[in-house]
Amino acid sequence: MHRYKTDKEFTKRVFAKYGKITDDYLLEGTWQEHAAILQRVPRPSLKGLQFLIEAQFRDKSPLPKPETFVDNSLVDQLEKSGFIDSLYKQ
């Protein structure tokens, strides 16, 4: 996420290579669209997981909670230590 947000030209080259996109207007638009929604701290969306759980376990009751599938302890440690913030300092 850090590299994506801080090195636009690199990211656009990756999109061009693997997405086989040659139009710079499309590359720029793709970068802009994703940069706006990428979180600074890489945590999964519990709301997104809930959507997937509901789709996967339609016939189950009760549905599992999204928190059952997530362990943010490593991300919490990285954030608490200041590592993630240090990535964005220039």
N, C-alpha and C. Protein backbone atom coordinates (compact mmCIF):
# COMPACT_ATOMS: atom_id res chain seq x y z
N MET A 1 0.83 -1.19 0.00
CA MET A 1 0.00 0.00 0.00
C MET A 1 0.87 1.25 0.00
N HIS A 2 1.93 1.18 0.79
CA HIS A 2 2.85 2.32 0.83
C HIS A 2 3.45 2.57 -0.55
N ARG A 3 3.96 1.53 -1.17
CA ARG A 3 4.59 1.69 -2.49
C ARG A 3 3.57 2.20 -3.50
N TYR A 4 2.37 1.67 -3.44
CA TYR A 4 1.31 2.10 -4.35
C TYR A 4 1.06 3.59 -4.22
N LYS A 5 0.93 4.06 -2.99
CA LYS A 5 0.57 5.46 -2.76
C LYS A 5 1.74 6.43 -2.96
N THR A 6 2.97 5.95 -2.79
CA THR A 6 4.10 6.87 -2.83
C THR A 6 4.93 6.78 -4.11
N ASP A 7 4.68 5.80 -4.95
CA ASP A 7 5.44 5.65 -6.19
C ASP A 7 4.48 5.38 -7.35
N LYS A 8 3.80 6.44 -7.75
CA LYS A 8 2.76 6.32 -8.76
C LYS A 8 3.30 5.75 -10.08
N GLU A 9 4.46 6.22 -10.52
CA GLU A 9 4.98 5.76 -11.81
C GLU A 9 5.32 4.27 -11.80
N PHE A 10 5.88 3.78 -10.71
CA PHE A 10 6.15 2.36 -10.57
C PHE A 10 4.85 1.56 -10.66
N THR A 11 3.86 2.01 -9.91
CA THR A 11 2.58 1.32 -9.87
C THR A 11 1.93 1.29 -11.25
N LYS A 12 2.00 2.40 -11.96
CA LYS A 12 1.43 2.44 -13.30
C LYS A 12 2.17 1.49 -14.25
N ARG A 13 3.49 1.37 -14.09
CA ARG A 13 4.25 0.41 -14.91
C ARG A 13 3.82 -1.03 -14.62
N VAL A 14 3.55 -1.32 -13.34
CA VAL A 14 3.08 -2.66 -12.97
C VAL A 14 1.72 -2.93 -13.60
N PHE A 15 0.81 -1.96 -13.49
CA PHE A 15 -0.50 -2.10 -14.13
C PHE A 15 -0.35 -2.31 -15.63
N ALA A 16 0.53 -1.54 -16.25
CA ALA A 16 0.73 -1.64 -17.69
C ALA A 16 1.23 -3.03 -18.07
N LYS A 17 2.20 -3.53 -17.31
CA LYS A 17 2.80 -4.83 -17.62
C LYS A 17 1.81 -5.97 -17.43
N TYR A 18 1.23 -6.05 -16.24
CA TYR A 18 0.39 -7.20 -15.92
C TYR A 18 -1.05 -7.06 -16.39
N GLY A 19 -1.50 -5.83 -16.56
CA GLY A 19 -2.85 -5.61 -17.07
C GLY A 19 -2.86 -5.40 -18.57
N LYS A 20 -1.65 -5.36 -19.15
CA LYS A 20 -1.51 -5.14 -20.58
C LYS A 20 -2.26 -3.87 -21.02
N ILE A 21 -2.07 -2.82 -20.24
CA ILE A 21 -2.70 -1.53 -20.52
C ILE A 21 -1.65 -0.61 -21.10
N THR A 22 -1.93 -0.03 -22.25
CA THR A 22 -0.95 0.86 -22.89
C THR A 22 -1.39 2.32 -22.87
N ASP A 23 -2.64 2.56 -22.58
CA ASP A 23 -3.18 3.92 -22.58
C ASP A 23 -2.88 4.61 -21.25
N ASP A 24 -2.09 5.69 -21.29
CA ASP A 24 -1.71 6.38 -20.05
C ASP A 24 -2.92 6.97 -19.34
N TYR A 25 -3.93 7.38 -20.09
CA TYR A 25 -5.14 7.93 -19.47
C TYR A 25 -5.81 6.85 -18.60
N LEU A 26 -5.88 5.64 -19.11
CA LEU A 26 -6.47 4.53 -18.34
C LEU A 26 -5.59 4.17 -17.14
N LEU A 27 -4.28 4.17 -17.33
CA LEU A 27 -3.37 3.88 -16.22
C LEU A 27 -3.52 4.91 -15.11
N GLU A 28 -3.59 6.17 -15.48
CA GLU A 28 -3.74 7.24 -14.48
C GLU A 28 -5.08 7.11 -13.77
N GLY A 29 -6.13 6.85 -14.51
CA GLY A 29 -7.45 6.71 -13.91
C GLY A 29 -7.51 5.52 -12.97
N THR A 30 -6.89 4.42 -13.36
CA THR A 30 -6.85 3.23 -12.51
C THR A 30 -6.10 3.54 -11.22
N TRP A 31 -4.97 4.20 -11.36
CA TRP A 31 -4.19 4.55 -10.16
C TRP A 31 -5.00 5.46 -9.24
N GLN A 32 -5.61 6.50 -9.80
CA GLN A 32 -6.39 7.45 -9.00
C GLN A 32 -7.53 6.75 -8.27
N GLU A 33 -8.23 5.88 -8.97
CA GLU A 33 -9.38 5.20 -8.37
C GLU A 33 -8.96 4.32 -7.19
N HIS A 34 -7.91 3.57 -7.37
CA HIS A 34 -7.47 2.68 -6.29
C HIS A 34 -6.78 3.44 -5.16
N ALA A 35 -6.02 4.46 -5.48
CA ALA A 35 -5.31 5.22 -4.44
C ALA A 35 -6.30 5.85 -3.45
N ALA A 36 -7.45 6.22 -3.94
CA ALA A 36 -8.45 6.87 -3.09
C ALA A 36 -9.05 5.91 -2.06
N ILE A 37 -9.06 4.61 -2.37
CA ILE A 37 -9.73 3.68 -1.46
C ILE A 37 -8.77 2.80 -0.67
N LEU A 38 -7.51 2.74 -1.07
CA LEU A 38 -6.55 1.92 -0.32
C LEU A 38 -6.31 2.52 1.06
N GLN A 39 -6.38 1.68 2.06
CA GLN A 39 -6.17 2.13 3.42
C GLN A 39 -4.67 2.26 3.70
N ARG A 40 -4.35 3.19 4.55
CA ARG A 40 -2.96 3.39 4.96
C ARG A 40 -2.47 2.22 5.81
N VAL A 41 -3.33 1.71 6.65
CA VAL A 41 -3.02 0.58 7.52
C VAL A 41 -3.75 -0.64 6.95
N PRO A 42 -3.01 -1.71 6.62
CA PRO A 42 -3.61 -2.85 5.92
C PRO A 42 -4.43 -3.79 6.81
N ARG A 43 -5.66 -3.43 7.01
CA ARG A 43 -6.59 -4.27 7.78
C ARG A 43 -7.72 -4.72 6.87
N PRO A 44 -8.16 -5.97 7.02
CA PRO A 44 -9.29 -6.41 6.20
C PRO A 44 -10.58 -5.71 6.62
N SER A 45 -11.47 -5.56 5.67
CA SER A 45 -12.77 -4.94 5.94
C SER A 45 -13.71 -5.97 6.55
N LEU A 46 -14.12 -5.73 7.78
CA LEU A 46 -15.07 -6.65 8.42
C LEU A 46 -16.41 -6.64 7.70
N LYS A 47 -16.78 -5.49 7.18
CA LYS A 47 -18.03 -5.40 6.41
C LYS A 47 -17.94 -6.24 5.13
N GLY A 48 -16.79 -6.19 4.47
CA GLY A 48 -16.57 -7.00 3.28
C GLY A 48 -16.58 -8.48 3.60
N LEU A 49 -15.93 -8.84 4.70
CA LEU A 49 -15.93 -10.24 5.12
C LEU A 49 -17.34 -10.71 5.46
N GLN A 50 -18.12 -9.86 6.09
CA GLN A 50 -19.50 -10.21 6.43
C GLN A 50 -20.29 -10.52 5.17
N PHE A 51 -20.10 -9.72 4.15
CA PHE A 51 -20.77 -9.96 2.87
C PHE A 51 -20.40 -11.34 2.31
N LEU A 52 -19.11 -11.68 2.34
CA LEU A 52 -18.66 -12.98 1.84
C LEU A 52 -19.20 -14.13 2.68
N ILE A 53 -19.22 -13.94 3.99
CA ILE A 53 -19.75 -14.97 4.89
C ILE A 53 -21.22 -15.23 4.59
N GLU A 54 -21.98 -14.17 4.44
CA GLU A 54 -23.41 -14.32 4.15
C GLU A 54 -23.64 -15.05 2.83
N ALA A 55 -22.79 -14.80 1.85
CA ALA A 55 -22.92 -15.47 0.56
C ALA A 55 -22.50 -16.93 0.65
N GLN A 56 -21.46 -17.21 1.41
CA GLN A 56 -20.91 -18.57 1.50
C GLN A 56 -21.73 -19.49 2.41
N PHE A 57 -22.22 -18.94 3.50
CA PHE A 57 -22.89 -19.76 4.52
C PHE A 57 -24.39 -19.46 4.59
N ARG A 58 -25.04 -19.34 3.45
CA ARG A 58 -26.46 -18.99 3.42
C ARG A 58 -27.33 -19.90 4.25
N ASP A 59 -27.02 -21.18 4.24
CA ASP A 59 -27.88 -22.16 4.92
C ASP A 59 -27.46 -22.42 6.36
N LYS A 60 -26.47 -21.73 6.85
CA LYS A 60 -25.98 -21.95 8.22
C LYS A 60 -26.62 -20.94 9.16
N SER A 61 -26.86 -21.40 10.35
CA SER A 61 -27.38 -20.50 11.38
C SER A 61 -26.85 -20.98 12.72
N PRO A 62 -26.29 -20.14 13.51
CA PRO A 62 -25.99 -18.74 13.23
C PRO A 62 -24.77 -18.61 12.32
N LEU A 63 -24.70 -17.48 11.66
CA LEU A 63 -23.57 -17.20 10.78
C LEU A 63 -22.32 -16.93 11.60
N PRO A 64 -21.16 -17.38 11.11
CA PRO A 64 -19.93 -17.02 11.83
C PRO A 64 -19.68 -15.52 11.76
N LYS A 65 -19.05 -15.00 12.76
CA LYS A 65 -18.73 -13.57 12.79
C LYS A 65 -17.43 -13.33 12.02
N PRO A 66 -17.32 -12.21 11.32
CA PRO A 66 -16.10 -11.94 10.55
C PRO A 66 -14.84 -11.90 11.43
N GLU A 67 -14.99 -11.48 12.66
CA GLU A 67 -13.85 -11.40 13.57
C GLU A 67 -13.21 -12.77 13.80
N THR A 68 -13.97 -13.84 13.57
CA THR A 68 -13.48 -15.20 13.73
C THR A 68 -12.35 -15.50 12.75
N PHE A 69 -12.36 -14.83 11.62
CA PHE A 69 -11.41 -15.11 10.55
C PHE A 69 -10.27 -14.10 10.47
N VAL A 70 -10.22 -13.16 11.38
CA VAL A 70 -9.25 -12.06 11.30
C VAL A 70 -8.37 -12.02 12.54
N ASP A 71 -7.08 -11.86 12.30
CA ASP A 71 -6.13 -11.63 13.38
C ASP A 71 -5.32 -10.39 13.02
N ASN A 72 -5.66 -9.28 13.62
CA ASN A 72 -4.98 -8.02 13.35
C ASN A 72 -3.79 -7.78 14.28
N SER A 73 -3.40 -8.77 15.06
CA SER A 73 -2.37 -8.53 16.07
C SER A 73 -1.05 -8.06 15.47
N LEU A 74 -0.64 -8.62 14.34
CA LEU A 74 0.62 -8.18 13.73
C LEU A 74 0.52 -6.75 13.22
N VAL A 75 -0.59 -6.44 12.58
CA VAL A 75 -0.80 -5.08 12.08
C VAL A 75 -0.86 -4.10 13.25
N ASP A 76 -1.55 -4.50 14.33
CA ASP A 76 -1.62 -3.65 15.52
C ASP A 76 -0.23 -3.37 16.08
N GLN A 77 0.63 -4.40 16.11
CA GLN A 77 1.99 -4.20 16.61
C GLN A 77 2.78 -3.26 15.72
N LEU A 78 2.65 -3.43 14.41
CA LEU A 78 3.35 -2.55 13.48
C LEU A 78 2.88 -1.11 13.61
N GLU A 79 1.59 -0.94 13.80
CA GLU A 79 1.05 0.41 13.95
C GLU A 79 1.49 1.02 15.28
N LYS A 80 1.38 0.24 16.34
CA LYS A 80 1.74 0.73 17.68
C LYS A 80 3.23 1.09 17.76
N SER A 81 4.07 0.33 17.08
CA SER A 81 5.51 0.60 17.11
C SER A 81 5.89 1.85 16.33
N GLY A 82 4.97 2.35 15.51
CA GLY A 82 5.25 3.53 14.70
C GLY A 82 5.80 3.19 13.32
N PHE A 83 5.95 1.89 13.03
CA PHE A 83 6.52 1.48 11.75
C PHE A 83 5.69 1.98 10.57
N ILE A 84 4.39 1.79 10.64
CA ILE A 84 3.54 2.19 9.49
C ILE A 84 3.62 3.69 9.27
N ASP A 85 3.55 4.47 10.33
CA ASP A 85 3.68 5.93 10.18
C ASP A 85 5.03 6.30 9.61
N SER A 86 6.08 5.58 10.00
CA SER A 86 7.43 5.90 9.52
C SER A 86 7.56 5.71 8.02
N LEU A 87 6.76 4.82 7.45
CA LEU A 87 6.81 4.60 6.00
C LEU A 87 6.37 5.83 5.22
N TYR A 88 5.46 6.59 5.79
CA TYR A 88 4.89 7.72 5.06
C TYR A 88 5.61 9.03 5.35
N LYS A 89 6.60 9.01 6.25
CA LYS A 89 7.38 10.23 6.49
C LYS A 89 8.44 10.35 5.41
N GLN A 90 8.64 11.55 4.95
CA GLN A 90 9.64 11.74 3.89
C GLN A 90 10.79 12.53 4.34
